[in-house]
Each structure stands twice: as C-alpha cells, then as structure tokens.
C-alpha cells in the first residue's frame, strides 16, 4: 500500500531531480501518475531528464514541469513555489506563500 501523499493526484517537487536519486524518484512518481516538477541546474541535463519523464508518464507530457533553480537562493525557491502552484494548482485550503 502506498502512502496517501503518493497518490495519482499528488504533486512532487524534486530538487536535484535531473539526475541520480532525484531522477530515480521523479521517474517512480511519474510512473504512478503523479505530476512532477524537477528543479536542478544545467539546462541540457534538465531537458534530457524531462524528455525521459514525459515518455514515462501514463497521463501525458503535461504531468512534467522543469525549473532551472538554485536551491541556495531563497527568492528562487519562492519563485519555484509560485510557478508550481500556477502550473499544478494549490492544495485545498492553502494560500500560496502564506501557509508555512
């Protein structure tokens, strides 16, 4: 039995998602029907990872989002949060940027 957070209607944001363990997790999640955002550095690496994830997604290419993001930059992380909310929606009862 999967954890409820891993249900098909969930969204995963994975930093370091273009390679290694991050890409492995993103691949597993997208194969389960989740929507996934991979955030990493390196445009070519992100593009290759996104292509593989889009092919693996049973719900289509729209389930995959990418973001070139430096996780050490707080404002970049805020921008990532906003972009994910705009693309995939906001969980019920939450206000973007306010509920922490």
Protein backbone atom coordinates (compact mmCIF):
# COMPACT_ATOMS: atom_id res chain seq x y z
CA UNK A 1 0.00 0.00 0.00
CA UNK A 2 1.32 3.41 -0.98
CA UNK A 3 1.39 6.39 1.32
CA UNK A 4 -1.52 8.78 0.55
CA UNK A 5 0.96 11.51 -0.44
CA UNK A 6 2.00 9.29 -3.34
CA UNK A 7 -1.47 9.13 -4.85
CA UNK A 8 -2.02 9.83 -8.52
CA UNK A 9 -3.47 13.29 -7.82
CA UNK A 10 -0.39 14.46 -5.89
CA UNK A 11 2.41 16.75 -7.00
CA UNK A 12 6.07 16.11 -6.24
CA UNK A 13 8.70 18.84 -6.40
CA UNK A 14 12.13 17.27 -6.54
CA UNK A 15 15.26 19.35 -6.19
CA UNK A 16 18.24 17.72 -7.85
CA UNK A 17 15.66 15.97 -10.00
CA UNK A 18 17.61 15.85 -13.26
CA UNK A 19 19.97 13.06 -12.25
CA UNK A 20 20.81 10.40 -9.69
CA UNK A 21 18.45 9.69 -6.82
CA UNK A 22 16.30 12.72 -7.67
CA UNK A 23 15.66 11.48 -11.20
CA UNK A 24 15.00 7.96 -9.94
CA UNK A 25 12.38 9.31 -7.52
CA UNK A 26 10.84 11.51 -10.22
CA UNK A 27 10.64 8.53 -12.57
CA UNK A 28 8.89 6.39 -9.97
CA UNK A 29 6.44 9.15 -9.10
CA UNK A 30 5.56 9.99 -12.69
CA UNK A 31 5.01 6.29 -13.49
CA UNK A 32 2.49 6.23 -10.61
CA UNK A 33 0.55 9.00 -12.33
CA UNK A 34 1.78 11.86 -10.18
CA UNK A 35 2.56 15.31 -11.53
CA UNK A 36 6.25 16.10 -11.07
CA UNK A 37 8.41 19.21 -11.10
CA UNK A 38 12.14 18.63 -11.31
CA UNK A 39 14.30 21.54 -10.22
CA UNK A 40 18.01 21.45 -10.92
CA UNK A 41 20.86 23.32 -12.53
CA UNK A 42 22.05 22.69 -16.07
CA UNK A 43 19.65 23.21 -18.95
CA UNK A 44 20.82 20.21 -21.01
CA UNK A 45 20.60 17.85 -18.05
CA UNK A 46 17.11 19.10 -17.19
CA UNK A 47 15.96 18.77 -20.81
CA UNK A 48 17.18 15.15 -21.06
CA UNK A 49 15.54 14.22 -17.76
CA UNK A 50 12.27 15.91 -18.73
CA UNK A 51 12.16 14.05 -22.03
CA UNK A 52 12.57 10.70 -20.25
CA UNK A 53 9.94 11.60 -17.65
CA UNK A 54 7.42 12.71 -20.28
CA UNK A 55 7.82 9.38 -22.07
CA UNK A 56 7.32 7.50 -18.79
CA UNK A 57 4.19 9.39 -17.73
CA UNK A 58 0.94 7.47 -18.26
CA UNK A 59 -1.02 10.74 -18.02
CA UNK A 60 0.96 12.67 -20.61
CA UNK A 61 3.70 15.21 -21.03
CA UNK A 62 1.75 17.90 -19.16
CA UNK A 63 2.43 15.98 -15.94
CA UNK A 64 6.09 17.06 -16.05
CA UNK A 65 7.41 20.51 -15.21
CA UNK A 66 11.03 21.66 -15.10
CA UNK A 67 12.72 24.56 -13.42
CA UNK A 68 16.34 25.72 -13.50
CA UNK A 69 16.58 26.62 -9.84
CA UNK A 70 19.43 27.30 -7.42
CA UNK A 71 18.13 25.88 -4.14
CA UNK A 72 20.58 28.02 -2.15
CA UNK A 73 18.73 31.15 -3.33
CA UNK A 74 15.65 31.78 -1.17
CA UNK A 75 13.95 34.01 -3.73
CA UNK A 76 14.50 31.37 -6.43
CA UNK A 77 12.78 28.82 -4.20
CA UNK A 78 9.84 31.19 -3.67
CA UNK A 79 9.60 31.63 -7.43
CA UNK A 80 9.64 27.85 -7.84
CA UNK A 81 6.81 27.51 -5.34
CA UNK A 82 4.74 30.10 -7.18
CA UNK A 83 5.43 28.50 -10.57
CA UNK A 84 4.40 25.04 -9.32
CA UNK A 85 1.18 26.45 -7.84
CA UNK A 86 0.39 28.23 -11.09
CA UNK A 87 1.03 25.10 -13.15
CA UNK A 88 -0.49 22.40 -10.96
CA UNK A 89 -2.76 24.29 -8.57
CA UNK A 90 -2.75 24.86 -4.84
CA UNK A 91 -3.74 22.25 -2.23
CA UNK A 92 -7.20 22.82 -0.74
CA UNK A 93 -7.28 25.49 1.93
CA UNK A 94 -3.81 26.87 1.25
CA UNK A 95 -2.83 30.33 0.18
CA UNK A 96 0.38 30.38 -1.88
CA UNK A 97 3.26 31.86 0.07
CA UNK A 98 1.28 32.27 3.30
CA UNK A 99 0.75 28.84 4.83
CA UNK A 100 4.07 27.56 6.12
